[in-house]
All heavy atoms as atom14 arrays in JSON, in Angstrom:
{
  "sequence": "FKTDQAQDAKKMEKLNNIFFTLMARGPETDI",
  "atom14_mask": [
    [1, 1, 1, 1, 1, 1, 1, 1, 1, 1, 1, 0, 0, 0],
    [1, 1, 1, 1, 1, 1, 1, 1, 1, 0, 0, 0, 0, 0],
    [1, 1, 1, 1, 1, 1, 1, 0, 0, 0, 0, 0, 0, 0],
    [1, 1, 1, 1, 1, 1, 1, 1, 0, 0, 0, 0, 0, 0],
    [1, 1, 1, 1, 1, 1, 1, 1, 1, 0, 0, 0, 0, 0],
    [1, 1, 1, 1, 1, 0, 0, 0, 0, 0, 0, 0, 0, 0],
    [1, 1, 1, 1, 1, 1, 1, 1, 1, 0, 0, 0, 0, 0],
    [1, 1, 1, 1, 1, 1, 1, 1, 0, 0, 0, 0, 0, 0],
    [1, 1, 1, 1, 1, 0, 0, 0, 0, 0, 0, 0, 0, 0],
    [1, 1, 1, 1, 1, 1, 1, 1, 1, 0, 0, 0, 0, 0],
    [1, 1, 1, 1, 1, 1, 1, 1, 1, 0, 0, 0, 0, 0],
    [1, 1, 1, 1, 1, 1, 1, 1, 0, 0, 0, 0, 0, 0],
    [1, 1, 1, 1, 1, 1, 1, 1, 1, 0, 0, 0, 0, 0],
    [1, 1, 1, 1, 1, 1, 1, 1, 1, 0, 0, 0, 0, 0],
    [1, 1, 1, 1, 1, 1, 1, 1, 0, 0, 0, 0, 0, 0],
    [1, 1, 1, 1, 1, 1, 1, 1, 0, 0, 0, 0, 0, 0],
    [1, 1, 1, 1, 1, 1, 1, 1, 0, 0, 0, 0, 0, 0],
    [1, 1, 1, 1, 1, 1, 1, 1, 0, 0, 0, 0, 0, 0],
    [1, 1, 1, 1, 1, 1, 1, 1, 1, 1, 1, 0, 0, 0],
    [1, 1, 1, 1, 1, 1, 1, 1, 1, 1, 1, 0, 0, 0],
    [1, 1, 1, 1, 1, 1, 1, 0, 0, 0, 0, 0, 0, 0],
    [1, 1, 1, 1, 1, 1, 1, 1, 0, 0, 0, 0, 0, 0],
    [1, 1, 1, 1, 1, 1, 1, 1, 0, 0, 0, 0, 0, 0],
    [1, 1, 1, 1, 1, 0, 0, 0, 0, 0, 0, 0, 0, 0],
    [1, 1, 1, 1, 1, 1, 1, 1, 1, 1, 1, 0, 0, 0],
    [1, 1, 1, 1, 0, 0, 0, 0, 0, 0, 0, 0, 0, 0],
    [1, 1, 1, 1, 1, 1, 1, 0, 0, 0, 0, 0, 0, 0],
    [1, 1, 1, 1, 1, 1, 1, 1, 1, 0, 0, 0, 0, 0],
    [1, 1, 1, 1, 1, 1, 1, 0, 0, 0, 0, 0, 0, 0],
    [1, 1, 1, 1, 1, 1, 1, 1, 0, 0, 0, 0, 0, 0],
    [1, 1, 1, 1, 1, 1, 1, 1, 0, 0, 0, 0, 0, 0]
  ],
  "atom14_positions": [
    [[103.84, 95.39, 108.59], [104.45, 94.09, 108.32], [105.86, 94.35, 107.81], [106.06, 95.16, 106.92], [103.63, 93.31, 107.28], [104.19, 91.97, 106.94], [103.97, 90.88, 107.76], [104.96, 91.8, 105.8], [104.49, 89.64, 107.46], [105.48, 90.56, 105.49], [105.25, 89.48, 106.32], [0.0, 0.0, 0.0], [0.0, 0.0, 0.0], [0.0, 0.0, 0.0]],
    [[106.83, 93.64, 108.37], [108.23, 93.84, 107.98], [108.81, 92.5, 107.53], [108.56, 91.47, 108.14], [109.03, 94.38, 109.17], [110.49, 94.56, 108.87], [111.24, 95.32, 109.94], [111.08, 94.74, 111.3], [111.97, 95.37, 112.31], [0.0, 0.0, 0.0], [0.0, 0.0, 0.0], [0.0, 0.0, 0.0], [0.0, 0.0, 0.0], [0.0, 0.0, 0.0]],
    [[109.58, 92.55, 106.45], [110.22, 91.34, 105.95], [111.56, 91.67, 105.31], [111.79, 92.8, 104.89], [109.32, 90.62, 104.92], [109.93, 89.39, 104.54], [109.09, 91.46, 103.69], [0.0, 0.0, 0.0], [0.0, 0.0, 0.0], [0.0, 0.0, 0.0], [0.0, 0.0, 0.0], [0.0, 0.0, 0.0], [0.0, 0.0, 0.0], [0.0, 0.0, 0.0]],
    [[112.42, 90.66, 105.24], [113.68, 90.8, 104.52], [113.83, 89.67, 103.51], [114.91, 89.44, 102.98], [114.86, 90.83, 105.48], [114.94, 89.58, 106.35], [114.04, 88.73, 106.26], [115.91, 89.47, 107.11], [0.0, 0.0, 0.0], [0.0, 0.0, 0.0], [0.0, 0.0, 0.0], [0.0, 0.0, 0.0], [0.0, 0.0, 0.0], [0.0, 0.0, 0.0]],
    [[112.74, 88.98, 103.24], [112.74, 87.86, 102.3], [112.36, 88.33, 100.9], [111.34, 88.99, 100.72], [111.75, 86.78, 102.75], [112.02, 86.23, 104.13], [113.34, 85.5, 104.19], [113.68, 84.73, 103.3], [114.11, 85.77, 105.24], [0.0, 0.0, 0.0], [0.0, 0.0, 0.0], [0.0, 0.0, 0.0], [0.0, 0.0, 0.0], [0.0, 0.0, 0.0]],
    [[113.16, 87.98, 99.91], [112.89, 88.39, 98.53], [111.61, 87.74, 98.0], [110.91, 88.33, 97.17], [114.07, 88.01, 97.64], [0.0, 0.0, 0.0], [0.0, 0.0, 0.0], [0.0, 0.0, 0.0], [0.0, 0.0, 0.0], [0.0, 0.0, 0.0], [0.0, 0.0, 0.0], [0.0, 0.0, 0.0], [0.0, 0.0, 0.0], [0.0, 0.0, 0.0]],
    [[111.27, 86.55, 98.49], [110.09, 85.86, 98.0], [108.8, 86.57, 98.42], [107.75, 86.34, 97.83], [110.07, 84.43, 98.51], [109.97, 84.32, 100.02], [110.34, 82.96, 100.54], [110.96, 82.19, 99.84], [109.97, 82.68, 101.76], [0.0, 0.0, 0.0], [0.0, 0.0, 0.0], [0.0, 0.0, 0.0], [0.0, 0.0, 0.0], [0.0, 0.0, 0.0]],
    [[108.86, 87.45, 99.4], [107.68, 88.19, 99.83], [107.3, 89.28, 98.85], [106.23, 89.89, 98.99], [107.9, 88.78, 101.23], [107.85, 87.71, 102.31], [107.29, 86.63, 102.05], [108.4, 87.96, 103.4], [0.0, 0.0, 0.0], [0.0, 0.0, 0.0], [0.0, 0.0, 0.0], [0.0, 0.0, 0.0], [0.0, 0.0, 0.0], [0.0, 0.0, 0.0]],
    [[108.12, 89.54, 97.86], [107.78, 90.54, 96.83], [106.54, 90.1, 96.06], [105.7, 90.94, 95.71], [108.95, 90.75, 95.88], [0.0, 0.0, 0.0], [0.0, 0.0, 0.0], [0.0, 0.0, 0.0], [0.0, 0.0, 0.0], [0.0, 0.0, 0.0], [0.0, 0.0, 0.0], [0.0, 0.0, 0.0], [0.0, 0.0, 0.0], [0.0, 0.0, 0.0]],
    [[106.39, 88.82, 95.8], [105.19, 88.31, 95.12], [103.96, 88.52, 95.98], [102.89, 88.87, 95.49], [105.33, 86.82, 94.8], [106.15, 86.53, 93.6], [105.34, 86.82, 92.36], [106.08, 86.29, 91.16], [105.56, 86.81, 89.93], [0.0, 0.0, 0.0], [0.0, 0.0, 0.0], [0.0, 0.0, 0.0], [0.0, 0.0, 0.0], [0.0, 0.0, 0.0]],
    [[104.1, 88.32, 97.28], [102.98, 88.54, 98.19], [102.59, 90.01, 98.2], [101.4, 90.35, 98.21], [103.35, 88.1, 99.61], [103.55, 86.62, 99.75], [103.95, 86.29, 101.18], [104.22, 84.82, 101.37], [104.65, 84.53, 102.74], [0.0, 0.0, 0.0], [0.0, 0.0, 0.0], [0.0, 0.0, 0.0], [0.0, 0.0, 0.0], [0.0, 0.0, 0.0]],
    [[103.59, 90.89, 98.17], [103.32, 92.32, 98.14], [102.58, 92.7, 96.86], [101.66, 93.51, 96.88], [104.62, 93.11, 98.25], [104.42, 94.6, 98.26], [105.86, 95.52, 97.76], [106.07, 95.0, 96.08], [0.0, 0.0, 0.0], [0.0, 0.0, 0.0], [0.0, 0.0, 0.0], [0.0, 0.0, 0.0], [0.0, 0.0, 0.0], [0.0, 0.0, 0.0]],
    [[102.97, 92.07, 95.76], [102.3, 92.33, 94.48], [100.83, 91.92, 94.54], [99.96, 92.63, 94.03], [103.03, 91.58, 93.37], [102.53, 91.9, 91.99], [103.33, 91.2, 90.91], [104.5, 90.84, 91.16], [102.78, 91.01, 89.83], [0.0, 0.0, 0.0], [0.0, 0.0, 0.0], [0.0, 0.0, 0.0], [0.0, 0.0, 0.0], [0.0, 0.0, 0.0]],
    [[100.54, 90.79, 95.18], [99.15, 90.36, 95.33], [98.37, 91.33, 96.2], [97.21, 91.64, 95.92], [99.08, 88.96, 95.94], [99.37, 87.86, 94.96], [99.11, 86.51, 95.58], [99.36, 85.41, 94.59], [99.05, 84.1, 95.14], [0.0, 0.0, 0.0], [0.0, 0.0, 0.0], [0.0, 0.0, 0.0], [0.0, 0.0, 0.0], [0.0, 0.0, 0.0]],
    [[98.99, 91.83, 97.26], [98.33, 92.81, 98.12], [98.05, 94.09, 97.34], [96.98, 94.69, 97.48], [99.16, 93.11, 99.37], [98.53, 94.07, 100.37], [97.25, 93.48, 100.94], [99.5, 94.38, 101.48], [0.0, 0.0, 0.0], [0.0, 0.0, 0.0], [0.0, 0.0, 0.0], [0.0, 0.0, 0.0], [0.0, 0.0, 0.0], [0.0, 0.0, 0.0]],
    [[98.99, 94.52, 96.51], [98.75, 95.69, 95.65], [97.54, 95.46, 94.77], [96.69, 96.34, 94.62], [99.97, 95.97, 94.77], [101.1, 96.62, 95.53], [100.91, 97.14, 96.62], [102.28, 96.57, 94.95], [0.0, 0.0, 0.0], [0.0, 0.0, 0.0], [0.0, 0.0, 0.0], [0.0, 0.0, 0.0], [0.0, 0.0, 0.0], [0.0, 0.0, 0.0]],
    [[97.44, 94.28, 94.16], [96.31, 93.97, 93.3], [94.99, 93.98, 94.07], [93.97, 94.42, 93.56], [96.51, 92.63, 92.6], [97.59, 92.68, 91.55], [97.91, 93.75, 91.03], [98.17, 91.55, 91.23], [0.0, 0.0, 0.0], [0.0, 0.0, 0.0], [0.0, 0.0, 0.0], [0.0, 0.0, 0.0], [0.0, 0.0, 0.0], [0.0, 0.0, 0.0]],
    [[95.02, 93.49, 95.3], [93.81, 93.51, 96.13], [93.38, 94.95, 96.38], [92.21, 95.3, 96.21], [94.06, 92.77, 97.47], [94.18, 91.27, 97.24], [92.94, 93.07, 98.46], [94.64, 90.5, 98.46], [0.0, 0.0, 0.0], [0.0, 0.0, 0.0], [0.0, 0.0, 0.0], [0.0, 0.0, 0.0], [0.0, 0.0, 0.0], [0.0, 0.0, 0.0]],
    [[94.32, 95.81, 96.78], [93.97, 97.2, 97.05], [93.55, 97.94, 95.78], [92.62, 98.75, 95.82], [95.12, 97.94, 97.74], [95.14, 97.73, 99.22], [96.23, 97.16, 99.83], [94.07, 98.1, 100.01], [96.26, 96.97, 101.2], [94.07, 97.91, 101.37], [95.18, 97.34, 101.97], [0.0, 0.0, 0.0], [0.0, 0.0, 0.0], [0.0, 0.0, 0.0]],
    [[94.2, 97.66, 94.65], [93.78, 98.29, 93.39], [92.35, 97.9, 93.05], [91.55, 98.72, 92.62], [94.71, 97.9, 92.24], [96.08, 98.49, 92.32], [97.16, 97.84, 91.75], [96.32, 99.68, 92.99], [98.43, 98.38, 91.83], [97.59, 100.22, 93.07], [98.64, 99.57, 92.49], [0.0, 0.0, 0.0], [0.0, 0.0, 0.0], [0.0, 0.0, 0.0]],
    [[92.02, 96.62, 93.24], [90.66, 96.14, 92.97], [89.66, 96.81, 93.9], [88.6, 97.27, 93.45], [90.59, 94.62, 93.13], [91.52, 94.01, 92.24], [89.2, 94.1, 92.84], [0.0, 0.0, 0.0], [0.0, 0.0, 0.0], [0.0, 0.0, 0.0], [0.0, 0.0, 0.0], [0.0, 0.0, 0.0], [0.0, 0.0, 0.0], [0.0, 0.0, 0.0]],
    [[89.96, 96.87, 95.18], [89.04, 97.49, 96.13], [88.85, 98.98, 95.85], [87.75, 99.51, 95.99], [89.55, 97.29, 97.56], [89.48, 95.87, 98.1], [90.18, 95.78, 99.45], [88.04, 95.4, 98.23], [0.0, 0.0, 0.0], [0.0, 0.0, 0.0], [0.0, 0.0, 0.0], [0.0, 0.0, 0.0], [0.0, 0.0, 0.0], [0.0, 0.0, 0.0]],
    [[89.93, 99.66, 95.45], [89.83, 101.09, 95.19], [89.08, 101.38, 93.89], [88.34, 102.35, 93.8], [91.22, 101.71, 95.13], [91.9, 101.77, 96.47], [93.57, 102.41, 96.29], [94.22, 102.06, 97.91], [0.0, 0.0, 0.0], [0.0, 0.0, 0.0], [0.0, 0.0, 0.0], [0.0, 0.0, 0.0], [0.0, 0.0, 0.0], [0.0, 0.0, 0.0]],
    [[89.27, 100.54, 92.89], [88.64, 100.78, 91.6], [87.18, 100.34, 91.57], [86.33, 101.03, 91.01], [89.42, 100.05, 90.51], [0.0, 0.0, 0.0], [0.0, 0.0, 0.0], [0.0, 0.0, 0.0], [0.0, 0.0, 0.0], [0.0, 0.0, 0.0], [0.0, 0.0, 0.0], [0.0, 0.0, 0.0], [0.0, 0.0, 0.0], [0.0, 0.0, 0.0]],
    [[86.87, 99.21, 92.17], [85.51, 98.66, 92.08], [84.66, 98.93, 93.31], [83.47, 98.66, 93.3], [85.58, 97.15, 91.88], [86.25, 96.76, 90.59], [86.24, 95.27, 90.43], [87.01, 94.86, 89.27], [87.31, 93.6, 89.0], [86.89, 92.65, 89.8], [88.01, 93.31, 87.95], [0.0, 0.0, 0.0], [0.0, 0.0, 0.0], [0.0, 0.0, 0.0]],
    [[85.27, 99.41, 94.38], [84.52, 99.71, 95.6], [84.85, 98.72, 96.69], [85.28, 97.6, 96.44], [0.0, 0.0, 0.0], [0.0, 0.0, 0.0], [0.0, 0.0, 0.0], [0.0, 0.0, 0.0], [0.0, 0.0, 0.0], [0.0, 0.0, 0.0], [0.0, 0.0, 0.0], [0.0, 0.0, 0.0], [0.0, 0.0, 0.0], [0.0, 0.0, 0.0]],
    [[84.65, 99.14, 97.95], [85.06, 98.31, 99.09], [84.24, 97.03, 99.28], [84.68, 96.14, 99.98], [84.91, 99.25, 100.29], [84.01, 100.32, 99.84], [84.16, 100.44, 98.36], [0.0, 0.0, 0.0], [0.0, 0.0, 0.0], [0.0, 0.0, 0.0], [0.0, 0.0, 0.0], [0.0, 0.0, 0.0], [0.0, 0.0, 0.0], [0.0, 0.0, 0.0]],
    [[83.08, 96.95, 98.66], [82.24, 95.75, 98.84], [82.52, 94.68, 97.77], [81.85, 93.66, 97.73], [80.76, 96.14, 98.8], [80.37, 97.11, 99.89], [80.72, 96.59, 101.29], [80.52, 95.39, 101.55], [81.2, 97.39, 102.1], [0.0, 0.0, 0.0], [0.0, 0.0, 0.0], [0.0, 0.0, 0.0], [0.0, 0.0, 0.0], [0.0, 0.0, 0.0]],
    [[83.52, 94.89, 96.95], [83.85, 93.98, 95.86], [84.39, 92.65, 96.4], [85.13, 92.62, 97.38], [84.92, 94.61, 94.95], [84.43, 95.84, 94.47], [85.26, 93.71, 93.78], [0.0, 0.0, 0.0], [0.0, 0.0, 0.0], [0.0, 0.0, 0.0], [0.0, 0.0, 0.0], [0.0, 0.0, 0.0], [0.0, 0.0, 0.0], [0.0, 0.0, 0.0]],
    [[84.02, 91.57, 95.73], [84.53, 90.25, 96.08], [85.96, 90.14, 95.54], [86.2, 90.33, 94.35], [83.64, 89.17, 95.46], [84.1, 87.78, 95.81], [84.73, 87.6, 96.87], [83.82, 86.85, 95.02], [0.0, 0.0, 0.0], [0.0, 0.0, 0.0], [0.0, 0.0, 0.0], [0.0, 0.0, 0.0], [0.0, 0.0, 0.0], [0.0, 0.0, 0.0]],
    [[86.91, 89.85, 96.41], [88.32, 89.83, 96.0], [88.84, 88.41, 95.79], [90.04, 88.22, 95.65], [89.2, 90.57, 97.01], [89.07, 89.98, 98.41], [88.9, 92.05, 97.0], [90.07, 90.5, 99.39], [0.0, 0.0, 0.0], [0.0, 0.0, 0.0], [0.0, 0.0, 0.0], [0.0, 0.0, 0.0], [0.0, 0.0, 0.0], [0.0, 0.0, 0.0]]
  ]
}
């Protein structure tokens, strides 16, 4: 995914949180 919009930084932060949750709690975790 490619972007040049500054507002997409918040979206990237949410995606980071999703991956952190999946990695820490396991792939079957409800996100």
